[in-house]
PDB file of N, CA and C in Angstrom:
ATOM      1  N   UNK A   1      87.662  49.810  83.073  1.00  0.00           N
ATOM      2  CA  UNK A   1      88.795  50.120  82.224  1.00  0.00           C
ATOM      3  C   UNK A   1      90.032  50.351  83.092  1.00  0.00           C
ATOM      4  N   UNK A   2      91.121  49.703  82.766  1.00  0.00           N
ATOM      5  CA  UNK A   2      92.359  49.838  83.523  1.00  0.00           C
ATOM      6  C   UNK A   2      93.135  51.059  83.059  1.00  0.00           C
ATOM      7  N   UNK A   3      93.692  51.832  84.007  1.00  0.00           N
ATOM      8  CA  UNK A   3      94.518  52.972  83.610  1.00  0.00           C
ATOM      9  C   UNK A   3      95.800  52.496  82.925  1.00  0.00           C
ATOM     10  N   UNK A   4      96.312  53.315  82.023  1.00  0.00           N
ATOM     11  CA  UNK A   4      97.544  53.001  81.305  1.00  0.00           C
ATOM     12  C   UNK A   4      98.648  53.916  81.839  1.00  0.00           C
ATOM     13  N   UNK A   5      99.791  53.320  82.142  1.00  0.00           N
ATOM     14  CA  UNK A   5     100.905  54.066  82.700  1.00  0.00           C
ATOM     15  C   UNK A   5     102.077  54.082  81.724  1.00  0.00           C
ATOM     16  N   UNK A   6     102.832  55.168  81.756  1.00  0.00           N
ATOM     17  CA  UNK A   6     104.069  55.314  80.995  1.00  0.00           C
ATOM     18  C   UNK A   6     105.173  55.696  81.974  1.00  0.00           C
ATOM     19  N   UNK A   7     106.400  55.642  81.512  1.00  0.00           N
ATOM     20  CA  UNK A   7     107.542  56.023  82.336  1.00  0.00           C
ATOM     21  C   UNK A   7     108.161  57.298  81.784  1.00  0.00           C
ATOM     22  N   UNK A   8     108.363  58.267  82.673  1.00  0.00           N
ATOM     23  CA  UNK A   8     109.124  59.473  82.359  1.00  0.00           C
ATOM     24  C   UNK A   8     110.259  59.540  83.369  1.00  0.00           C
ATOM     25  N   UNK A   9     111.158  60.491  83.182  1.00  0.00           N
ATOM     26  CA  UNK A   9     112.270  60.673  84.108  1.00  0.00           C
ATOM     27  C   UNK A   9     112.152  62.050  84.740  1.00  0.00           C
ATOM     28  N   UNK A  10     112.064  62.067  86.068  1.00  0.00           N
ATOM     29  CA  UNK A  10     111.966  63.316  86.819  1.00  0.00           C
ATOM     30  C   UNK A  10     113.257  63.483  87.598  1.00  0.00           C
ATOM     31  N   UNK A  11     113.985  64.539  87.268  1.00  0.00           N
ATOM     32  CA  UNK A  11     115.298  64.796  87.880  1.00  0.00           C
ATOM     33  C   UNK A  11     116.166  63.539  87.836  1.00  0.00           C
ATOM     34  N   UNK A  12     116.109  62.849  86.699  1.00  0.00           N
ATOM     35  CA  UNK A  12     116.954  61.689  86.475  1.00  0.00           C
ATOM     36  C   UNK A  12     116.421  60.365  87.002  1.00  0.00           C
ATOM     37  N   UNK A  13     115.314  60.383  87.723  1.00  0.00           N
ATOM     38  CA  UNK A  13     114.752  59.171  88.307  1.00  0.00           C
ATOM     39  C   UNK A  13     113.521  58.715  87.514  1.00  0.00           C
ATOM     40  N   UNK A  14     113.445  57.417  87.218  1.00  0.00           N
ATOM     41  CA  UNK A  14     112.289  56.879  86.508  1.00  0.00           C
ATOM     42  C   UNK A  14     111.038  57.034  87.367  1.00  0.00           C
ATOM     43  N   UNK A  15     109.935  57.404  86.730  1.00  0.00           N
ATOM     44  CA  UNK A  15     108.665  57.606  87.425  1.00  0.00           C
ATOM     45  C   UNK A  15     107.551  57.115  86.511  1.00  0.00           C
ATOM     46  N   UNK A  16     106.719  56.220  87.013  1.00  0.00           N
ATOM     47  CA  UNK A  16     105.565  55.736  86.255  1.00  0.00           C
ATOM     48  C   UNK A  16     104.375  56.637  86.555  1.00  0.00           C
ATOM     49  N   UNK A  17     103.741  57.149  85.514  1.00  0.00           N
ATOM     50  CA  UNK A  17     102.637  58.086  85.692  1.00  0.00           C
ATOM     51  C   UNK A  17     101.464  57.650  84.823  1.00  0.00           C
ATOM     52  N   UNK A  18     100.279  58.044  85.235  1.00  0.00           N
ATOM     53  CA  UNK A  18      99.074  57.814  84.457  1.00  0.00           C
ATOM     54  C   UNK A  18      99.167  58.683  83.212  1.00  0.00           C
ATOM     55  N   UNK A  19      99.103  58.087  82.050  1.00  0.00           N
ATOM     56  CA  UNK A  19      99.460  58.788  80.815  1.00  0.00           C
ATOM     57  C   UNK A  19      98.579  59.979  80.463  1.00  0.00           C
ATOM     58  N   UNK A  20      97.449  60.141  81.125  1.00  0.00           N
ATOM     59  CA  UNK A  20      96.590  61.291  80.832  1.00  0.00           C
ATOM     60  C   UNK A  20      96.771  62.429  81.841  1.00  0.00           C
ATOM     61  N   UNK A  21      97.807  62.345  82.673  1.00  0.00           N
ATOM     62  CA  UNK A  21      98.070  63.411  83.647  1.00  0.00           C
ATOM     63  C   UNK A  21      98.748  64.592  82.957  1.00  0.00           C
ATOM     64  N   UNK A  22      98.279  65.783  83.276  1.00  0.00           N
ATOM     65  CA  UNK A  22      98.964  66.982  82.795  1.00  0.00           C
ATOM     66  C   UNK A  22     100.153  67.261  83.719  1.00  0.00           C
ATOM     67  N   UNK A  23     101.000  68.160  83.291  1.00  0.00           N
ATOM     68  CA  UNK A  23     102.130  68.564  84.127  1.00  0.00           C
ATOM     69  C   UNK A  23     101.629  69.101  85.461  1.00  0.00           C
ATOM     70  N   UNK A  24     100.586  69.904  85.440  1.00  0.00           N
ATOM     71  CA  UNK A  24     100.043  70.464  86.690  1.00  0.00           C
ATOM     72  C   UNK A  24      99.560  69.348  87.618  1.00  0.00           C
ATOM     73  N   UNK A  25      98.838  68.376  87.091  1.00  0.00           N
ATOM     74  CA  UNK A  25      98.349  67.268  87.909  1.00  0.00           C
ATOM     75  C   UNK A  25      99.520  66.476  88.506  1.00  0.00           C
ATOM     76  N   UNK A  26     100.549  66.274  87.709  1.00  0.00           N
ATOM     77  CA  UNK A  26     101.729  65.554  88.183  1.00  0.00           C
ATOM     78  C   UNK A  26     102.408  66.324  89.314  1.00  0.00           C
ATOM     79  N   UNK A  27     102.587  67.624  89.139  1.00  0.00           N
ATOM     80  CA  UNK A  27     103.248  68.437  90.158  1.00  0.00           C
ATOM     81  C   UNK A  27     102.453  68.470  91.459  1.00  0.00           C
ATOM     82  N   UNK A  28     101.133  68.566  91.348  1.00  0.00           N
ATOM     83  CA  UNK A  28     100.294  68.551  92.547  1.00  0.00           C
ATOM     84  C   UNK A  28     100.350  67.182  93.225  1.00  0.00           C
ATOM     85  N   UNK A  29     100.348  66.117  92.437  1.00  0.00           N
ATOM     86  CA  UNK A  29     100.468  64.772  92.986  1.00  0.00           C
ATOM     87  C   UNK A  29     101.778  64.613  93.759  1.00  0.00           C
ATOM     88  N   UNK A  30     102.846  65.201  93.235  1.00  0.00           N
ATOM     89  CA  UNK A  30     104.156  65.134  93.886  1.00  0.00           C
ATOM     90  C   UNK A  30     104.312  66.176  94.996  1.00  0.00           C
ATOM     91  N   UNK A  31     103.261  66.963  95.233  1.00  0.00           N
ATOM     92  CA  UNK A  31     103.185  67.954  96.306  1.00  0.00           C
ATOM     93  C   UNK A  31     104.184  69.096  96.167  1.00  0.00           C
ATOM     94  N   UNK A  32     104.390  69.561  94.931  1.00  0.00           N
ATOM     95  CA  UNK A  32     105.221  70.737  94.705  1.00  0.00           C
ATOM     96  C   UNK A  32     104.374  71.995  94.856  1.00  0.00           C
ATOM     97  N   UNK A  33     104.982  73.048  95.375  1.00  0.00           N
ATOM     98  CA  UNK A  33     104.349  74.361  95.440  1.00  0.00           C
ATOM     99  C   UNK A  33     104.530  75.006  94.069  1.00  0.00           C
ATOM    100  N   UNK A  34     103.448  75.166  93.321  1.00  0.00           N
ATOM    101  CA  UNK A  34     103.537  75.596  91.927  1.00  0.00           C
ATOM    102  C   UNK A  34     104.124  76.990  91.748  1.00  0.00           C
ATOM    103  N   UNK A  35     104.035  77.815  92.773  1.00  0.00           N
ATOM    104  CA  UNK A  35     104.537  79.186  92.668  1.00  0.00           C
ATOM    105  C   UNK A  35     106.032  79.313  92.939  1.00  0.00           C
ATOM    106  N   UNK A  36     106.680  78.204  93.323  1.00  0.00           N
ATOM    107  CA  UNK A  36     108.099  78.314  93.681  1.00  0.00           C
ATOM    108  C   UNK A  36     108.967  77.272  92.978  1.00  0.00           C
ATOM    109  N   UNK A  37     108.585  76.932  91.737  1.00  0.00           N
ATOM    110  CA  UNK A  37     109.381  75.972  90.976  1.00  0.00           C
ATOM    111  C   UNK A  37     109.566  76.457  89.541  1.00  0.00           C
ATOM    112  N   UNK A  38     110.596  75.909  88.917  1.00  0.00           N
ATOM    113  CA  UNK A  38     110.832  76.072  87.489  1.00  0.00           C
ATOM    114  C   UNK A  38     110.858  74.664  86.923  1.00  0.00           C
ATOM    115  N   UNK A  39     110.172  74.460  85.788  1.00  0.00           N
ATOM    116  CA  UNK A  39     110.088  73.124  85.198  1.00  0.00           C
ATOM    117  C   UNK A  39     110.659  73.155  83.785  1.00  0.00           C
ATOM    118  N   UNK A  40     111.532  72.188  83.524  1.00  0.00           N
ATOM    119  CA  UNK A  40     112.103  71.999  82.201  1.00  0.00           C
ATOM    120  C   UNK A  40     111.593  70.665  81.665  1.00  0.00           C
ATOM    121  N   UNK A  41     111.053  70.683  80.466  1.00  0.00           N
ATOM    122  CA  UNK A  41     110.515  69.478  79.820  1.00  0.00           C
ATOM    123  C   UNK A  41     111.292  69.255  78.534  1.00  0.00           C
ATOM    124  N   UNK A  42     112.067  68.179  78.485  1.00  0.00           N
ATOM    125  CA  UNK A  42     112.909  67.877  77.323  1.00  0.00           C
ATOM    126  C   UNK A  42     113.734  69.089  76.895  1.00  0.00           C
ATOM    127  N   UNK A  43     114.409  69.693  77.874  1.00  0.00           N
ATOM    128  CA  UNK A  43     115.334  70.818  77.666  1.00  0.00           C
ATOM    129  C   UNK A  43     114.673  72.142  77.330  1.00  0.00           C
ATOM    130  N   UNK A  44     113.358  72.280  77.524  1.00  0.00           N
ATOM    131  CA  UNK A  44     112.650  73.548  77.299  1.00  0.00           C
ATOM    132  C   UNK A  44     111.939  73.959  78.579  1.00  0.00           C
ATOM    133  N   UNK A  45     112.145  75.206  78.983  1.00  0.00           N
ATOM    134  CA  UNK A  45     111.460  75.734  80.163  1.00  0.00           C
ATOM    135  C   UNK A  45     109.972  75.861  79.848  1.00  0.00           C
ATOM    136  N   UNK A  46     109.134  75.388  80.777  1.00  0.00           N
ATOM    137  CA  UNK A  46     107.680  75.468  80.613  1.00  0.00           C
ATOM    138  C   UNK A  46     107.154  76.596  81.479  1.00  0.00           C
ATOM    139  N   UNK A  47     106.451  77.551  80.878  1.00  0.00           N
ATOM    140  CA  UNK A  47     105.840  78.655  81.625  1.00  0.00           C
ATOM    141  C   UNK A  47     104.683  78.099  82.447  1.00  0.00           C
ATOM    142  N   UNK A  48     104.499  78.641  83.658  1.00  0.00           N
ATOM    143  CA  UNK A  48     103.469  78.088  84.546  1.00  0.00           C
ATOM    144  C   UNK A  48     102.073  78.132  83.942  1.00  0.00           C
ATOM    145  N   UNK A  49     101.828  79.039  83.005  1.00  0.00           N
ATOM    146  CA  UNK A  49     100.507  79.100  82.366  1.00  0.00           C
ATOM    147  C   UNK A  49     100.269  77.912  81.431  1.00  0.00           C
ATOM    148  N   UNK A  50     101.323  77.159  81.124  1.00  0.00           N
ATOM    149  CA  UNK A  50     101.204  75.992  80.245  1.00  0.00           C
ATOM    150  C   UNK A  50     101.177  74.672  81.016  1.00  0.00           C
ATOM    151  N   UNK A  51     101.203  74.717  82.342  1.00  0.00           N
ATOM    152  CA  UNK A  51     101.212  73.489  83.145  1.00  0.00           C
ATOM    153  C   UNK A  51      99.980  72.629  82.878  1.00  0.00           C
ATOM    154  N   UNK A  52      98.806  73.270  82.695  1.00  0.00           N
ATOM    155  CA  UNK A  52      97.558  72.532  82.451  1.00  0.00           C
ATOM    156  C   UNK A  52      97.524  71.842  81.095  1.00  0.00           C
ATOM    157  N   UNK A  53      98.239  72.382  80.134  1.00  0.00           N
ATOM    158  CA  UNK A  53      98.142  71.881  78.759  1.00  0.00           C
ATOM    159  C   UNK A  53      99.381  71.111  78.308  1.00  0.00           C
ATOM    160  N   UNK A  54     100.296  70.874  79.236  1.00  0.00           N
ATOM    161  CA  UNK A  54     101.504  70.112  78.910  1.00  0.00           C
ATOM    162  C   UNK A  54     101.316  68.655  79.326  1.00  0.00           C
ATOM    163  N   UNK A  55     101.456  67.758  78.355  1.00  0.00           N
ATOM    164  CA  UNK A  55     101.329  66.320  78.592  1.00  0.00           C
ATOM    165  C   UNK A  55     102.618  65.647  78.136  1.00  0.00           C
ATOM    166  N   UNK A  56     102.819  64.410  78.531  1.00  0.00           N
ATOM    167  CA  UNK A  56     104.084  63.724  78.307  1.00  0.00           C
ATOM    168  C   UNK A  56     103.947  62.532  77.381  1.00  0.00           C
ATOM    169  N   UNK A  57     105.088  62.162  76.827  1.00  0.00           N
ATOM    170  CA  UNK A  57     105.237  60.905  76.096  1.00  0.00           C
ATOM    171  C   UNK A  57     106.196  60.037  76.903  1.00  0.00           C
ATOM    172  N   UNK A  58     106.110  58.749  76.707  1.00  0.00           N
ATOM    173  CA  UNK A  58     107.008  57.837  77.401  1.00  0.00           C
ATOM    174  C   UNK A  58     108.461  58.240  77.148  1.00  0.00           C
ATOM    175  N   UNK A  59     109.258  58.186  78.194  1.00  0.00           N
ATOM    176  CA  UNK A  59     110.693  58.490  78.175  1.00  0.00           C
ATOM    177  C   UNK A  59     111.015  59.988  78.166  1.00  0.00           C
ATOM    178  N   UNK A  60     110.011  60.871  78.293  1.00  0.00           N
ATOM    179  CA  UNK A  60     110.290  62.302  78.390  1.00  0.00           C
ATOM    180  C   UNK A  60     111.125  62.570  79.632  1.00  0.00           C
ATOM    181  N   UNK A  61     111.845  63.679  79.601  1.00  0.00           N
ATOM    182  CA  UNK A  61     112.691  64.080  80.725  1.00  0.00           C
ATOM    183  C   UNK A  61     112.170  65.382  81.315  1.00  0.00           C
ATOM    184  N   UNK A  62     111.957  65.370  82.632  1.00  0.00           N
ATOM    185  CA  UNK A  62     111.454  66.517  83.376  1.00  0.00           C
ATOM    186  C   UNK A  62     112.487  66.890  84.430  1.00  0.00           C
ATOM    187  N   UNK A  63     112.833  68.150  84.493  1.00  0.00           N
ATOM    188  CA  UNK A  63     113.687  68.654  85.569  1.00  0.00           C
ATOM    189  C   UNK A  63     112.860  69.663  86.341  1.00  0.00           C
ATOM    190  N   UNK A  64     112.789  69.497  87.646  1.00  0.00           N
ATOM    191  CA  UNK A  64     112.038  70.399  88.512  1.00  0.00           C
ATOM    192  C   UNK A  64     113.026  71.054  89.464  1.00  0.00           C
ATOM    193  N   UNK A  65     113.063  72.374  89.417  1.00  0.00           N
ATOM    194  CA  UNK A  65     113.978  73.149  90.256  1.00  0.00           C
ATOM    195  C   UNK A  65     113.144  73.954  91.228  1.00  0.00           C
ATOM    196  N   UNK A  66     113.418  73.773  92.525  1.00  0.00           N
ATOM    197  CA  UNK A  66     112.703  74.512  93.565  1.00  0.00           C
ATOM    198  C   UNK A  66     113.447  75.801  93.858  1.00  0.00           C
ATOM    199  N   UNK A  67     112.711  76.895  93.855  1.00  0.00           N
ATOM    200  CA  UNK A  67     113.287  78.204  94.150  1.00  0.00           C
ATOM    201  C   UNK A  67     113.179  78.459  95.645  1.00  0.00           C
ATOM    202  N   UNK A  68     114.314  78.770  96.252  1.00  0.00           N
ATOM    203  CA  UNK A  68     114.359  79.021  97.685  1.00  0.00           C
ATOM    204  C   UNK A  68     114.840  80.435  97.918  1.00  0.00           C
ATOM    205  N   UNK A  69     114.086  81.196  98.700  1.00  0.00           N
ATOM    206  CA  UNK A  69     114.485  82.557  99.018  1.00  0.00           C
ATOM    207  C   UNK A  69     115.117  82.609 100.391  1.00  0.00           C
ATOM    208  N   UNK A  70     115.784  83.675 100.653  1.00  0.00           N
ATOM    209  CA  UNK A  70     116.389  83.825 101.974  1.00  0.00           C
ATOM    210  C   UNK A  70     117.379  84.970 101.973  1.00  0.00           C
ATOM    211  N   UNK A  71     117.986  85.150 103.073  1.00  0.00           N
ATOM    212  CA  UNK A  71     118.919  86.258 103.157  1.00  0.00           C
ATOM    213  C   UNK A  71     120.100  85.960 104.015  1.00  0.00           C
TER     214      UNK A  71
END
């Protein structure tokens, strides 16, 4: 069986993803540190406890903001 891919937009850039990937799987694939990011999905902030249960539709928009600490 061949995997099926859809296109979403991550920080404005088109990205083809396996349509059964959760947000958490996508973030790990992209090598983000899950404890230091904020994710917006179609203009709604997603709580980190929902990363496993958030899935996408074609053309969805994802914004990933990395939190950087320092002094």
